[in-house]
Amino acid sequence: MCRLLAYLGSPISLESLLYKPEHSLIVQSYQPREMTSGLVNADGFGVGWYHIQKDIEPFIYKNTLPIWNDINLPHLSRYVESKCVLAYVRSATPDESVDFVNCQPFGHQQQLFIHNGLIENFRKTLHRKIRSTLTQDFYEQINGNTDSEHIFALLLSQSQINKHRPPEYALRTTLLTLSEMAKRYQVEASLNIISSDGHRLIASRFATTSPPPSLYWIRDDPTFPKSVIIASEPLFRGNWIPFPENSIISVGADCEIQIEQI
C-alpha cells in the first residue's frame, strides 16, 4: 500500500507540505501508522504540482529511490510553490517492477492522478479485461505494468466517453466498472484515488471489501488556512475527518467540499 497526499488552496512551498508536518509524507514513507499491507514505502515516489500563475500542464518530479534518500528533493521543495500539489510514496506490489514508468503521479494534459490500493492478482485477472474496455487513445499511452496506470487509463477513457458530464461521473463509473469486474473474477480491489486538473481535487475511498485503505481530509487548519489537504494518514494533530467508506469527495476552487456516497 502506498501513501497519498493532495493539497488545494493558497500558495505553499513543497517543503511546508512534504517535510515540516510532524507526520509528513517523508515520515510516512518509513514509519506509516495505518498501512494494512507492507511495512515501508521505499519503492520510489513522485510529486506533481501546478504553476501558480500560468494555466499550463503540471510539473512532475519522480524517482525510484526511497523519498528519504533523494538529496535533490529538499532543495527543490524550498524553491517550488504551488496552489495544487499531488504526491505519493510507493510500496510496490511484489510482481511490479521498481522503475520510472511505474512511479506516480501519472499525468495526461492538465490531469494528475495517484492511486493507493491494489487489484488482487492483477496480471492474471483484470489486466486484459481493463485493456479491452479502453479507448484507443489511452490504450496506446500505457507505458508501465501497474494496475494503477491501467486504472488511470480507464478513468481517462470514461472521461472521454462522458465528456459532457462532470468528472465525478467518470470516476464513479470507473469505480463501479472495476467493482463489477472484480466480482466477476472473484478478486478484491481497493481504489483510493485522487485526481486533479489544478483547480479542483476529486478523490475516492473505495474497496470491494470493507474496510478500504485509510483516507482523511482537513479544511482550513490554522497552519494551512484557506486550503484542503487529503492524505492517507493525518500529517499533524488537527480536525482530520475520515472519508466515508465507498465515497467520492470533490473539492472546488473555493475549497468547498461535496461528498457523494457510491
Foldseek 3Di string as FASTA:
>chain_A
DKKKKKKAFDKDFLCVQAPPFPCHSLVCQQCNDFDPDDHGQFQKKKKWADDAPDLFAIDMDIDRGGPVPDPCVVVRRVVDIHRIMIMMGHDDDPVFDRDDLPYDQDDDTLKTKDKDKAWPPCVVFCVVVLLVPADPVLNVVRDGDGPRSSLVRQLVRLCVVPVVDDSVVSVVVSQVVVLVSCVVRVIKIWTWMWMDSRFKIKTWGEINDPDHQWKWKDAQDVVRGGMMMIISDDSHDDDIDTQPYQWMWMQGNSRDIDIDHD
